[in-house]
Amino acid sequence: MSKAAISLVVLITIFGGACAIGIVWLRMDISEVAARCGVLEDEREVLSREVQELRGQRSWALRPSTLASMVEGRLSMPGPRQTYHVSESDMKKRLGGYKRSHVVVANNGGRGNYSDGVR
């Protein structure tokens, strides 16, 4: 065999060995990334369950019956000494008038006693 043929065989062998080592190195990297992905997927699943549980707790806490039981005894309608009734003329005097609406609505004491007669 000639020197050129021997050197070609040696170069091909070295190139093939380098490619084989590169492939093994890439497969090891892929295995590490896959293992890390598995860990992250497990963490994501745990966090997803926690988020779902927190959503359930929030939905339970925001139910009107639950809110009512939480504030029971602490919130009540104000007494007569804490209630102020403002007449329509006082409201016009103090606020000047509305730019968005030409109608000023005043509650004259009880439920349904609005000055506009619509409510």
PDB file of N, CA and C in Angstrom:
ATOM      1  N   MET A   1       0.833  -1.178   0.000  1.00  0.00           N
ATOM      2  CA  MET A   1       0.000   0.000   0.000  1.00  0.00           C
ATOM      3  C   MET A   1       0.881   1.247   0.000  1.00  0.00           C
ATOM      4  N   SER A   2       0.334   2.211  -0.620  1.00  0.00           N
ATOM      5  CA  SER A   2       1.111   3.438  -0.703  1.00  0.00           C
ATOM      6  C   SER A   2       0.873   4.290   0.538  1.00  0.00           C
ATOM      7  N   LYS A   3       1.752   5.280   0.680  1.00  0.00           N
ATOM      8  CA  LYS A   3       1.640   6.179   1.831  1.00  0.00           C
ATOM      9  C   LYS A   3       0.330   6.970   1.769  1.00  0.00           C
ATOM     10  N   ALA A   4      -0.109   7.325   0.620  1.00  0.00           N
ATOM     11  CA  ALA A   4      -1.352   8.092   0.468  1.00  0.00           C
ATOM     12  C   ALA A   4      -2.545   7.254   0.906  1.00  0.00           C
ATOM     13  N   ALA A   5      -2.557   5.995   0.549  1.00  0.00           N
ATOM     14  CA  ALA A   5      -3.672   5.123   0.929  1.00  0.00           C
ATOM     15  C   ALA A   5      -3.685   4.911   2.433  1.00  0.00           C
ATOM     16  N   ILE A   6      -2.501   4.702   3.015  1.00  0.00           N
ATOM     17  CA  ILE A   6      -2.405   4.491   4.471  1.00  0.00           C
ATOM     18  C   ILE A   6      -2.849   5.755   5.203  1.00  0.00           C
ATOM     19  N   SER A   7      -2.378   6.909   4.757  1.00  0.00           N
ATOM     20  CA  SER A   7      -2.770   8.146   5.427  1.00  0.00           C
ATOM     21  C   SER A   7      -4.273   8.416   5.242  1.00  0.00           C
ATOM     22  N   LEU A   8      -4.843   8.041   4.102  1.00  0.00           N
ATOM     23  CA  LEU A   8      -6.276   8.201   3.888  1.00  0.00           C
ATOM     24  C   LEU A   8      -7.062   7.308   4.838  1.00  0.00           C
ATOM     25  N   VAL A   9      -6.633   6.074   5.015  1.00  0.00           N
ATOM     26  CA  VAL A   9      -7.291   5.147   5.937  1.00  0.00           C
ATOM     27  C   VAL A   9      -7.178   5.668   7.372  1.00  0.00           C
ATOM     28  N   VAL A  10      -6.008   6.176   7.753  1.00  0.00           N
ATOM     29  CA  VAL A  10      -5.813   6.717   9.102  1.00  0.00           C
ATOM     30  C   VAL A  10      -6.708   7.942   9.309  1.00  0.00           C
ATOM     31  N   LEU A  11      -6.756   8.827   8.319  1.00  0.00           N
ATOM     32  CA  LEU A  11      -7.612  10.018   8.438  1.00  0.00           C
ATOM     33  C   LEU A  11      -9.089   9.638   8.528  1.00  0.00           C
ATOM     34  N   ILE A  12      -9.525   8.703   7.735  1.00  0.00           N
ATOM     35  CA  ILE A  12     -10.925   8.252   7.795  1.00  0.00           C
ATOM     36  C   ILE A  12     -11.214   7.615   9.146  1.00  0.00           C
ATOM     37  N   THR A  13     -10.284   6.849   9.682  1.00  0.00           N
ATOM     38  CA  THR A  13     -10.464   6.217  10.989  1.00  0.00           C
ATOM     39  C   THR A  13     -10.546   7.281  12.083  1.00  0.00           C
ATOM     40  N   ILE A  14      -9.645   8.269  12.035  1.00  0.00           N
ATOM     41  CA  ILE A  14      -9.670   9.352  13.031  1.00  0.00           C
ATOM     42  C   ILE A  14     -10.971  10.140  12.913  1.00  0.00           C
ATOM     43  N   PHE A  15     -11.390  10.469  11.678  1.00  0.00           N
ATOM     44  CA  PHE A  15     -12.630  11.201  11.460  1.00  0.00           C
ATOM     45  C   PHE A  15     -13.831  10.395  11.966  1.00  0.00           C
ATOM     46  N   GLY A  16     -13.845   9.110  11.661  1.00  0.00           N
ATOM     47  CA  GLY A  16     -14.937   8.237  12.125  1.00  0.00           C
ATOM     48  C   GLY A  16     -14.966   8.146  13.648  1.00  0.00           C
ATOM     49  N   GLY A  17     -13.791   8.039  14.271  1.00  0.00           N
ATOM     50  CA  GLY A  17     -13.722   7.988  15.736  1.00  0.00           C
ATOM     51  C   GLY A  17     -14.200   9.281  16.365  1.00  0.00           C
ATOM     52  N   ALA A  18     -13.793  10.428  15.772  1.00  0.00           N
ATOM     53  CA  ALA A  18     -14.232  11.729  16.283  1.00  0.00           C
ATOM     54  C   ALA A  18     -15.743  11.869  16.157  1.00  0.00           C
ATOM     55  N   CYS A  19     -16.276  11.422  15.018  1.00  0.00           N
ATOM     56  CA  CYS A  19     -17.743  11.467  14.842  1.00  0.00           C
ATOM     57  C   CYS A  19     -18.443  10.578  15.857  1.00  0.00           C
ATOM     58  N   ALA A  20     -17.901   9.399  16.111  1.00  0.00           N
ATOM     59  CA  ALA A  20     -18.506   8.480  17.077  1.00  0.00           C
ATOM     60  C   ALA A  20     -18.483   9.081  18.480  1.00  0.00           C
ATOM     61  N   ILE A  21     -17.339   9.687  18.851  1.00  0.00           N
ATOM     62  CA  ILE A  21     -17.247  10.333  20.178  1.00  0.00           C
ATOM     63  C   ILE A  21     -18.230  11.509  20.250  1.00  0.00           C
ATOM     64  N   GLY A  22     -18.352  12.270  19.169  1.00  0.00           N
ATOM     65  CA  GLY A  22     -19.301  13.381  19.136  1.00  0.00           C
ATOM     66  C   GLY A  22     -20.740  12.909  19.294  1.00  0.00           C
ATOM     67  N   ILE A  23     -21.056  11.807  18.636  1.00  0.00           N
ATOM     68  CA  ILE A  23     -22.415  11.264  18.749  1.00  0.00           C
ATOM     69  C   ILE A  23     -22.696  10.808  20.169  1.00  0.00           C
ATOM     70  N   VAL A  24     -21.732  10.143  20.796  1.00  0.00           N
ATOM     71  CA  VAL A  24     -21.900   9.694  22.189  1.00  0.00           C
ATOM     72  C   VAL A  24     -22.069  10.894  23.107  1.00  0.00           C
ATOM     73  N   TRP A  25     -21.262  11.950  22.877  1.00  0.00           N
ATOM     74  CA  TRP A  25     -21.357  13.154  23.705  1.00  0.00           C
ATOM     75  C   TRP A  25     -22.736  13.812  23.542  1.00  0.00           C
ATOM     76  N   LEU A  26     -23.237  13.892  22.313  1.00  0.00           N
ATOM     77  CA  LEU A  26     -24.559  14.464  22.072  1.00  0.00           C
ATOM     78  C   LEU A  26     -25.664  13.635  22.717  1.00  0.00           C
ATOM     79  N   ARG A  27     -25.541  12.318  22.649  1.00  0.00           N
ATOM     80  CA  ARG A  27     -26.551  11.454  23.272  1.00  0.00           C
ATOM     81  C   ARG A  27     -26.545  11.621  24.785  1.00  0.00           C
ATOM     82  N   MET A  28     -25.371  11.811  25.385  1.00  0.00           N
ATOM     83  CA  MET A  28     -25.296  12.043  26.836  1.00  0.00           C
ATOM     84  C   MET A  28     -25.957  13.381  27.181  1.00  0.00           C
ATOM     85  N   ASP A  29     -25.707  14.412  26.360  1.00  0.00           N
ATOM     86  CA  ASP A  29     -26.352  15.705  26.587  1.00  0.00           C
ATOM     87  C   ASP A  29     -27.871  15.585  26.454  1.00  0.00           C
ATOM     88  N   ILE A  30     -28.308  14.856  25.446  1.00  0.00           N
ATOM     89  CA  ILE A  30     -29.747  14.663  25.252  1.00  0.00           C
ATOM     90  C   ILE A  30     -30.342  13.935  26.446  1.00  0.00           C
ATOM     91  N   SER A  31     -29.635  12.951  26.981  1.00  0.00           N
ATOM     92  CA  SER A  31     -30.130  12.220  28.148  1.00  0.00           C
ATOM     93  C   SER A  31     -30.226  13.132  29.360  1.00  0.00           C
ATOM     94  N   GLU A  32     -29.230  14.007  29.555  1.00  0.00           N
ATOM     95  CA  GLU A  32     -29.274  14.943  30.680  1.00  0.00           C
ATOM     96  C   GLU A  32     -30.441  15.918  30.540  1.00  0.00           C
ATOM     97  N   VAL A  33     -30.637  16.425  29.336  1.00  0.00           N
ATOM     98  CA  VAL A  33     -31.741  17.355  29.096  1.00  0.00           C
ATOM     99  C   VAL A  33     -33.084  16.651  29.302  1.00  0.00           C
ATOM    100  N   ALA A  34     -33.193  15.415  28.854  1.00  0.00           N
ATOM    101  CA  ALA A  34     -34.440  14.662  29.033  1.00  0.00           C
ATOM    102  C   ALA A  34     -34.714  14.419  30.514  1.00  0.00           C
ATOM    103  N   ALA A  35     -33.655  14.103  31.287  1.00  0.00           N
ATOM    104  CA  ALA A  35     -33.839  13.903  32.727  1.00  0.00           C
ATOM    105  C   ALA A  35     -34.285  15.201  33.391  1.00  0.00           C
ATOM    106  N   ARG A  36     -33.680  16.311  33.008  1.00  0.00           N
ATOM    107  CA  ARG A  36     -34.058  17.620  33.565  1.00  0.00           C
ATOM    108  C   ARG A  36     -35.496  17.968  33.172  1.00  0.00           C
ATOM    109  N   CYS A  37     -35.886  17.650  31.950  1.00  0.00           N
ATOM    110  CA  CYS A  37     -37.267  17.891  31.507  1.00  0.00           C
ATOM    111  C   CYS A  37     -38.250  17.079  32.347  1.00  0.00           C
ATOM    112  N   GLY A  38     -37.876  15.835  32.658  1.00  0.00           N
ATOM    113  CA  GLY A  38     -38.742  15.008  33.495  1.00  0.00           C
ATOM    114  C   GLY A  38     -38.939  15.623  34.867  1.00  0.00           C
ATOM    115  N   VAL A  39     -37.850  16.131  35.458  1.00  0.00           N
ATOM    116  CA  VAL A  39     -37.941  16.779  36.776  1.00  0.00           C
ATOM    117  C   VAL A  39     -38.814  18.029  36.684  1.00  0.00           C
ATOM    118  N   LEU A  40     -38.596  18.827  35.636  1.00  0.00           N
ATOM    119  CA  LEU A  40     -39.390  20.052  35.477  1.00  0.00           C
ATOM    120  C   LEU A  40     -40.861  19.749  35.231  1.00  0.00           C
ATOM    121  N   GLU A  41     -41.156  18.688  34.492  1.00  0.00           N
ATOM    122  CA  GLU A  41     -42.553  18.304  34.275  1.00  0.00           C
ATOM    123  C   GLU A  41     -43.208  17.873  35.582  1.00  0.00           C
ATOM    124  N   ASP A  42     -42.452  17.155  36.431  1.00  0.00           N
ATOM    125  CA  ASP A  42     -42.989  16.774  37.735  1.00  0.00           C
ATOM    126  C   ASP A  42     -43.275  18.011  38.582  1.00  0.00           C
ATOM    127  N   GLU A  43     -42.333  18.966  38.586  1.00  0.00           N
ATOM    128  CA  GLU A  43     -42.547  20.202  39.345  1.00  0.00           C
ATOM    129  C   GLU A  43     -43.740  20.968  38.802  1.00  0.00           C
ATOM    130  N   ARG A  44     -43.873  20.999  37.481  1.00  0.00           N
ATOM    131  CA  ARG A  44     -45.003  21.702  36.861  1.00  0.00           C
ATOM    132  C   ARG A  44     -46.319  21.060  37.264  1.00  0.00           C
ATOM    133  N   GLU A  45     -46.337  19.752  37.308  1.00  0.00           N
ATOM    134  CA  GLU A  45     -47.555  19.045  37.698  1.00  0.00           C
ATOM    135  C   GLU A  45     -47.929  19.364  39.144  1.00  0.00           C
ATOM    136  N   VAL A  46     -46.922  19.396  40.023  1.00  0.00           N
ATOM    137  CA  VAL A  46     -47.182  19.730  41.429  1.00  0.00           C
ATOM    138  C   VAL A  46     -47.710  21.157  41.527  1.00  0.00           C
ATOM    139  N   LEU A  47     -47.060  22.089  40.827  1.00  0.00           N
ATOM    140  CA  LEU A  47     -47.515  23.479  40.857  1.00  0.00           C
ATOM    141  C   LEU A  47     -48.902  23.631  40.247  1.00  0.00           C
ATOM    142  N   SER A  48     -49.181  22.864  39.218  1.00  0.00           N
ATOM    143  CA  SER A  48     -50.499  22.913  38.600  1.00  0.00           C
ATOM    144  C   SER A  48     -51.575  22.459  39.587  1.00  0.00           C
ATOM    145  N   ARG A  49     -51.281  21.418  40.339  1.00  0.00           N
ATOM    146  CA  ARG A  49     -52.231  20.962  41.368  1.00  0.00           C
ATOM    147  C   ARG A  49     -52.425  22.029  42.435  1.00  0.00           C
ATOM    148  N   GLU A  50     -51.319  22.679  42.854  1.00  0.00           N
ATOM    149  CA  GLU A  50     -51.426  23.730  43.866  1.00  0.00           C
ATOM    150  C   GLU A  50     -52.249  24.902  43.354  1.00  0.00           C
ATOM    151  N   VAL A  51     -52.032  25.284  42.091  1.00  0.00           N
ATOM    152  CA  VAL A  51     -52.799  26.381  41.506  1.00  0.00           C
ATOM    153  C   VAL A  51     -54.276  26.010  41.443  1.00  0.00           C
ATOM    154  N   GLN A  52     -54.559  24.783  41.055  1.00  0.00           N
ATOM    155  CA  GLN A  52     -55.957  24.338  40.992  1.00  0.00           C
ATOM    156  C   GLN A  52     -56.593  24.373  42.381  1.00  0.00           C
ATOM    157  N   GLU A  53     -55.842  23.952  43.387  1.00  0.00           N
ATOM    158  CA  GLU A  53     -56.357  23.980  44.760  1.00  0.00           C
ATOM    159  C   GLU A  53     -56.602  25.419  45.210  1.00  0.00           C
ATOM    160  N   LEU A  54     -55.671  26.323  44.883  1.00  0.00           N
ATOM    161  CA  LEU A  54     -55.851  27.730  45.254  1.00  0.00           C
ATOM    162  C   LEU A  54     -57.034  28.352  44.526  1.00  0.00           C
ATOM    163  N   ARG A  55     -57.255  27.968  43.279  1.00  0.00           N
ATOM    164  CA  ARG A  55     -58.434  28.472  42.552  1.00  0.00           C
ATOM    165  C   ARG A  55     -59.713  27.992  43.221  1.00  0.00           C
ATOM    166  N   GLY A  56     -59.702  26.751  43.657  1.00  0.00           N
ATOM    167  CA  GLY A  56     -60.869  26.227  44.366  1.00  0.00           C
ATOM    168  C   GLY A  56     -61.112  26.970  45.665  1.00  0.00           C
ATOM    169  N   GLN A  57     -60.036  27.249  46.406  1.00  0.00           N
ATOM    170  CA  GLN A  57     -60.177  27.995  47.658  1.00  0.00           C
ATOM    171  C   GLN A  57     -60.694  29.403  47.399  1.00  0.00           C
ATOM    172  N   ARG A  58     -60.185  30.040  46.328  1.00  0.00           N
ATOM    173  CA  ARG A  58     -60.636  31.385  46.008  1.00  0.00           C
ATOM    174  C   ARG A  58     -62.106  31.377  45.616  1.00  0.00           C
ATOM    175  N   SER A  59     -62.491  30.398  44.814  1.00  0.00           N
ATOM    176  CA  SER A  59     -63.890  30.339  44.408  1.00  0.00           C
ATOM    177  C   SER A  59     -64.797  30.066  45.608  1.00  0.00           C
ATOM    178  N   TRP A  60     -64.332  29.246  46.541  1.00  0.00           N
ATOM    179  CA  TRP A  60     -65.108  28.997  47.762  1.00  0.00           C
ATOM    180  C   TRP A  60     -65.202  30.277  48.574  1.00  0.00           C
ATOM    181  N   ALA A  61     -64.074  31.002  48.704  1.00  0.00           N
ATOM    182  CA  ALA A  61     -64.056  32.205  49.537  1.00  0.00           C
ATOM    183  C   ALA A  61     -64.884  33.332  48.941  1.00  0.00           C
ATOM    184  N   LEU A  62     -65.061  33.339  47.622  1.00  0.00           N
ATOM    185  CA  LEU A  62     -65.806  34.421  46.993  1.00  0.00           C
ATOM    186  C   LEU A  62     -67.287  34.120  46.824  1.00  0.00           C
ATOM    187  N   ARG A  63     -67.727  32.956  47.289  1.00  0.00           N
ATOM    188  CA  ARG A  63     -69.168  32.671  47.239  1.00  0.00           C
ATOM    189  C   ARG A  63     -69.886  33.626  48.178  1.00  0.00           C
ATOM    190  N   PRO A  64     -71.027  34.136  47.776  1.00  0.00           N
ATOM    191  CA  PRO A  64     -71.743  35.095  48.631  1.00  0.00           C
ATOM    192  C   PRO A  64     -72.060  34.557  50.023  1.00  0.00           C
ATOM    193  N   SER A  65     -72.418  33.291  50.131  1.00  0.00           N
ATOM    194  CA  SER A  65     -72.743  32.745  51.457  1.00  0.00           C
ATOM    195  C   SER A  65     -71.503  32.699  52.346  1.00  0.00           C
ATOM    196  N   THR A  66     -70.350  32.376  51.761  1.00  0.00           N
ATOM    197  CA  THR A  66     -69.115  32.340  52.542  1.00  0.00           C
ATOM    198  C   THR A  66     -68.714  33.740  52.970  1.00  0.00           C
ATOM    199  N   LEU A  67     -68.812  34.692  52.037  1.00  0.00           N
ATOM    200  CA  LEU A  67     -68.489  36.076  52.391  1.00  0.00           C
ATOM    201  C   LEU A  67     -69.414  36.582  53.490  1.00  0.00           C
ATOM    202  N   ALA A  68     -70.685  36.239  53.396  1.00  0.00           N
ATOM    203  CA  ALA A  68     -71.632  36.678  54.412  1.00  0.00           C
ATOM    204  C   ALA A  68     -71.277  36.098  55.777  1.00  0.00           C
ATOM    205  N   SER A  69     -70.875  34.824  55.810  1.00  0.00           N
ATOM    206  CA  SER A  69     -70.518  34.229  57.099  1.00  0.00           C
ATOM    207  C   SER A  69     -69.217  34.811  57.643  1.00  0.00           C
ATOM    208  N   MET A  70     -68.310  35.261  56.760  1.00  0.00           N
ATOM    209  CA  MET A  70     -67.052  35.861  57.217  1.00  0.00           C
ATOM    210  C   MET A  70     -67.263  37.226  57.872  1.00  0.00           C
ATOM    211  N   VAL A  71     -68.209  38.000  57.353  1.00  0.00           N
ATOM    212  CA  VAL A  71     -68.414  39.352  57.864  1.00  0.00           C
ATOM    213  C   VAL A  71     -69.618  39.453  58.799  1.00  0.00           C
ATOM    214  N   GLU A  72     -70.202  38.331  59.121  1.00  0.00           N
ATOM    215  CA  GLU A  72     -71.402  38.348  59.957  1.00  0.00           C
ATOM    216  C   GLU A  72     -71.101  39.005  61.300  1.00  0.00           C
ATOM    217  N   GLY A  73     -71.909  39.962  61.669  1.00  0.00           N
ATOM    218  CA  GLY A  73     -71.743  40.659  62.932  1.00  0.00           C
ATOM    219  C   GLY A  73     -70.792  41.849  62.837  1.00  0.00           C
ATOM    220  N   ARG A  74     -70.021  41.948  61.791  1.00  0.00           N
ATOM    221  CA  ARG A  74     -69.084  43.066  61.672  1.00  0.00           C
ATOM    222  C   ARG A  74     -69.606  44.154  60.751  1.00  0.00           C
ATOM    223  N   LEU A  75     -70.446  43.781  59.802  1.00  0.00           N
ATOM    224  CA  LEU A  75     -71.018  44.764  58.896  1.00  0.00           C
ATOM    225  C   LEU A  75     -72.516  44.825  59.113  1.00  0.00           C
ATOM    226  N   SER A  76     -73.008  46.016  59.229  1.00  0.00           N
ATOM    227  CA  SER A  76     -74.454  46.188  59.372  1.00  0.00           C
ATOM    228  C   SER A  76     -74.836  47.530  58.766  1.00  0.00           C
ATOM    229  N   MET A  77     -76.109  47.718  58.592  1.00  0.00           N
ATOM    230  CA  MET A  77     -76.593  48.993  58.057  1.00  0.00           C
ATOM    231  C   MET A  77     -76.310  50.076  59.094  1.00  0.00           C
ATOM    232  N   PRO A  78     -75.936  51.259  58.644  1.00  0.00           N
ATOM    233  CA  PRO A  78     -75.673  52.342  59.601  1.00  0.00           C
ATOM    234  C   PRO A  78     -76.956  52.776  60.297  1.00  0.00           C
ATOM    235  N   GLY A  79     -76.788  53.223  61.513  1.00  0.00           N
ATOM    236  CA  GLY A  79     -77.937  53.684  62.284  1.00  0.00           C
ATOM    237  C   GLY A  79     -78.414  55.042  61.794  1.00  0.00           C
ATOM    238  N   PRO A  80     -79.521  55.503  62.350  1.00  0.00           N
ATOM    239  CA  PRO A  80     -80.075  56.801  61.924  1.00  0.00           C
ATOM    240  C   PRO A  80     -79.110  57.969  62.160  1.00  0.00           C
ATOM    241  N   ARG A  81     -78.271  57.878  63.191  1.00  0.00           N
ATOM    242  CA  ARG A  81     -77.338  58.972  63.484  1.00  0.00           C
ATOM    243  C   ARG A  81     -76.196  59.011  62.450  1.00  0.00           C
ATOM    244  N   GLN A  82     -75.953  57.905  61.767  1.00  0.00           N
ATOM    245  CA  GLN A  82     -74.863  57.840  60.797  1.00  0.00           C
ATOM    246  C   GLN A  82     -75.353  57.996  59.354  1.00  0.00           C
ATOM    247  N   THR A  83     -76.637  58.202  59.176  1.00  0.00           N
ATOM    248  CA  THR A  83     -77.211  58.305  57.843  1.00  0.00           C
ATOM    249  C   THR A  83     -77.510  59.764  57.530  1.00  0.00           C
ATOM    250  N   TYR A  84     -77.064  60.203  56.382  1.00  0.00           N
ATOM    251  CA  TYR A  84     -77.312  61.577  55.944  1.00  0.00           C
ATOM    252  C   TYR A  84     -78.115  61.539  54.659  1.00  0.00           C
ATOM    253  N   HIS A  85     -79.149  62.354  54.593  1.00  0.00           N
ATOM    254  CA  HIS A  85     -79.971  62.445  53.394  1.00  0.00           C
ATOM    255  C   HIS A  85     -79.679  63.781  52.734  1.00  0.00           C
ATOM    256  N   VAL A  86     -79.378  63.752  51.473  1.00  0.00           N
ATOM    257  CA  VAL A  86     -79.044  64.959  50.728  1.00  0.00           C
ATOM    258  C   VAL A  86     -80.155  65.213  49.722  1.00  0.00           C
ATOM    259  N   SER A  87     -80.655  66.397  49.754  1.00  0.00           N
ATOM    260  CA  SER A  87     -81.728  66.726  48.807  1.00  0.00           C
ATOM    261  C   SER A  87     -81.124  67.036  47.438  1.00  0.00           C
ATOM    262  N   GLU A  88     -81.984  67.053  46.459  1.00  0.00           N
ATOM    263  CA  GLU A  88     -81.534  67.301  45.094  1.00  0.00           C
ATOM    264  C   GLU A  88     -80.949  68.698  44.964  1.00  0.00           C
ATOM    265  N   SER A  89     -81.548  69.660  45.610  1.00  0.00           N
ATOM    266  CA  SER A  89     -81.048  71.041  45.516  1.00  0.00           C
ATOM    267  C   SER A  89     -79.680  71.162  46.198  1.00  0.00           C
ATOM    268  N   ASP A  90     -79.497  70.502  47.348  1.00  0.00           N
ATOM    269  CA  ASP A  90     -78.182  70.524  48.008  1.00  0.00           C
ATOM    270  C   ASP A  90     -77.117  69.881  47.118  1.00  0.00           C
ATOM    271  N   MET A  91     -77.494  68.814  46.464  1.00  0.00           N
ATOM    272  CA  MET A  91     -76.540  68.128  45.602  1.00  0.00           C
ATOM    273  C   MET A  91     -76.145  69.014  44.433  1.00  0.00           C
ATOM    274  N   LYS A  92     -77.103  69.698  43.855  1.00  0.00           N
ATOM    275  CA  LYS A  92     -76.793  70.611  42.755  1.00  0.00           C
ATOM    276  C   LYS A  92     -75.906  71.755  43.233  1.00  0.00           C
ATOM    277  N   LYS A  93     -76.182  72.262  44.443  1.00  0.00           N
ATOM    278  CA  LYS A  93     -75.372  73.355  44.972  1.00  0.00           C
ATOM    279  C   LYS A  93     -73.926  72.924  45.211  1.00  0.00           C
ATOM    280  N   ARG A  94     -73.761  71.755  45.821  1.00  0.00           N
ATOM    281  CA  ARG A  94     -72.411  71.300  46.188  1.00  0.00           C
ATOM    282  C   ARG A  94     -71.617  70.773  44.997  1.00  0.00           C
ATOM    283  N   LEU A  95     -72.287  70.080  44.081  1.00  0.00           N
ATOM    284  CA  LEU A  95     -71.576  69.475  42.955  1.00  0.00           C
ATOM    285  C   LEU A  95     -71.612  70.325  41.698  1.00  0.00           C
ATOM    286  N   GLY A  96     -72.483  71.277  41.671  1.00  0.00           N
ATOM    287  CA  GLY A  96     -72.522  72.176  40.530  1.00  0.00           C
ATOM    288  C   GLY A  96     -73.316  71.653  39.356  1.00  0.00           C
ATOM    289  N   GLY A  97     -73.401  70.450  39.138  1.00  0.00           N
ATOM    290  CA  GLY A  97     -74.077  69.900  37.977  1.00  0.00           C
ATOM    291  C   GLY A  97     -73.159  68.893  37.316  1.00  0.00           C
ATOM    292  N   TYR A  98     -73.751  68.055  36.516  1.00  0.00           N
ATOM    293  CA  TYR A  98     -72.983  66.995  35.877  1.00  0.00           C
ATOM    294  C   TYR A  98     -72.685  67.341  34.440  1.00  0.00           C
ATOM    295  N   LYS A  99     -71.519  67.006  33.985  1.00  0.00           N
ATOM    296  CA  LYS A  99     -71.168  67.239  32.591  1.00  0.00           C
ATOM    297  C   LYS A  99     -71.625  66.087  31.714  1.00  0.00           C
ATOM    298  N   ARG A 100     -71.708  64.901  32.269  1.00  0.00           N
ATOM    299  CA  ARG A 100     -72.105  63.732  31.483  1.00  0.00           C
ATOM    300  C   ARG A 100     -73.618  63.610  31.361  1.00  0.00           C
ATOM    301  N   SER A 101     -74.311  64.050  32.367  1.00  0.00           N
ATOM    302  CA  SER A 101     -75.754  63.839  32.389  1.00  0.00           C
ATOM    303  C   SER A 101     -76.439  65.121  32.820  1.00  0.00           C
ATOM    304  N   HIS A 102     -77.634  65.338  32.321  1.00  0.00           N
ATOM    305  CA  HIS A 102     -78.396  66.512  32.702  1.00  0.00           C
ATOM    306  C   HIS A 102     -79.328  66.201  33.863  1.00  0.00           C
ATOM    307  N   VAL A 103     -79.417  64.943  34.267  1.00  0.00           N
ATOM    308  CA  VAL A 103     -80.348  64.536  35.305  1.00  0.00           C
ATOM    309  C   VAL A 103     -79.570  64.245  36.575  1.00  0.00           C
ATOM    310  N   VAL A 104     -80.005  64.818  37.681  1.00  0.00           N
ATOM    311  CA  VAL A 104     -79.420  64.523  38.981  1.00  0.00           C
ATOM    312  C   VAL A 104     -80.450  63.702  39.729  1.00  0.00           C
ATOM    313  N   VAL A 105     -80.022  62.544  40.229  1.00  0.00           N
ATOM    314  CA  VAL A 105     -80.938  61.652  40.911  1.00  0.00           C
ATOM    315  C   VAL A 105     -80.614  61.690  42.392  1.00  0.00           C
ATOM    316  N   ALA A 106     -81.618  61.909  43.209  1.00  0.00           N
ATOM    317  CA  ALA A 106     -81.430  61.942  44.655  1.00  0.00           C
ATOM    318  C   ALA A 106     -82.372  60.946  45.299  1.00  0.00           C
ATOM    319  N   ASN A 107     -81.910  60.288  46.331  1.00  0.00           N
ATOM    320  CA  ASN A 107     -82.737  59.374  47.094  1.00  0.00           C
ATOM    321  C   ASN A 107     -83.312  60.164  48.260  1.00  0.00           C
ATOM    322  N   ASN A 108     -84.617  60.244  48.308  1.00  0.00           N
ATOM    323  CA  ASN A 108     -85.269  61.050  49.336  1.00  0.00           C
ATOM    324  C   ASN A 108     -85.715  60.219  50.518  1.00  0.00           C
ATOM    325  N   GLY A 109     -84.872  59.411  51.024  1.00  0.00           N
ATOM    326  CA  GLY A 109     -85.170  58.726  52.270  1.00  0.00           C
ATOM    327  C   GLY A 109     -85.247  57.247  52.218  1.00  0.00           C
ATOM    328  N   GLY A 110     -86.158  56.673  51.487  1.00  0.00           N
ATOM    329  CA  GLY A 110     -86.351  55.235  51.535  1.00  0.00           C
ATOM    330  C   GLY A 110     -85.996  54.559  50.233  1.00  0.00           C
ATOM    331  N   ARG A 111     -86.200  53.262  50.211  1.00  0.00           N
ATOM    332  CA  ARG A 111     -85.938  52.519  48.991  1.00  0.00           C
ATOM    333  C   ARG A 111     -86.945  52.887  47.925  1.00  0.00           C
ATOM    334  N   GLY A 112     -86.460  53.136  46.726  1.00  0.00           N
ATOM    335  CA  GLY A 112     -87.362  53.426  45.623  1.00  0.00           C
ATOM    336  C   GLY A 112     -87.838  54.851  45.558  1.00  0.00           C
ATOM    337  N   ASN A 113     -87.383  55.710  46.458  1.00  0.00           N
ATOM    338  CA  ASN A 113     -87.823  57.109  46.461  1.00  0.00           C
ATOM    339  C   ASN A 113     -86.811  57.985  45.745  1.00  0.00           C
ATOM    340  N   TYR A 114     -86.510  57.643  44.502  1.00  0.00           N
ATOM    341  CA  TYR A 114     -85.551  58.434  43.727  1.00  0.00           C
ATOM    342  C   TYR A 114     -86.291  59.546  43.014  1.00  0.00           C
ATOM    343  N   SER A 115     -85.621  60.666  42.851  1.00  0.00           N
ATOM    344  CA  SER A 115     -86.272  61.841  42.269  1.00  0.00           C
ATOM    345  C   SER A 115     -86.547  61.706  40.776  1.00  0.00           C
ATOM    346  N   ASP A 116     -85.866  60.804  40.098  1.00  0.00           N
ATOM    347  CA  ASP A 116     -86.104  60.680  38.660  1.00  0.00           C
ATOM    348  C   ASP A 116     -87.301  59.803  38.335  1.00  0.00           C
ATOM    349  N   GLY A 117     -87.820  59.080  39.306  1.00  0.00           N
ATOM    350  CA  GLY A 117     -89.006  58.250  39.116  1.00  0.00           C
ATOM    351  C   GLY A 117     -88.777  57.032  38.247  1.00  0.00           C
ATOM    352  N   VAL A 118     -87.549  56.775  37.801  1.00  0.00           N
ATOM    353  CA  VAL A 118     -87.288  55.649  36.905  1.00  0.00           C
ATOM    354  C   VAL A 118     -86.953  54.393  37.700  1.00  0.00           C
ATOM    355  N   ARG A 119     -86.237  54.532  38.763  1.00  0.00           N
ATOM    356  CA  ARG A 119     -85.755  53.356  39.502  1.00  0.00           C
ATOM    357  C   ARG A 119     -86.761  52.828  40.442  1.00  0.00           C
TER     358      ARG A 119
END
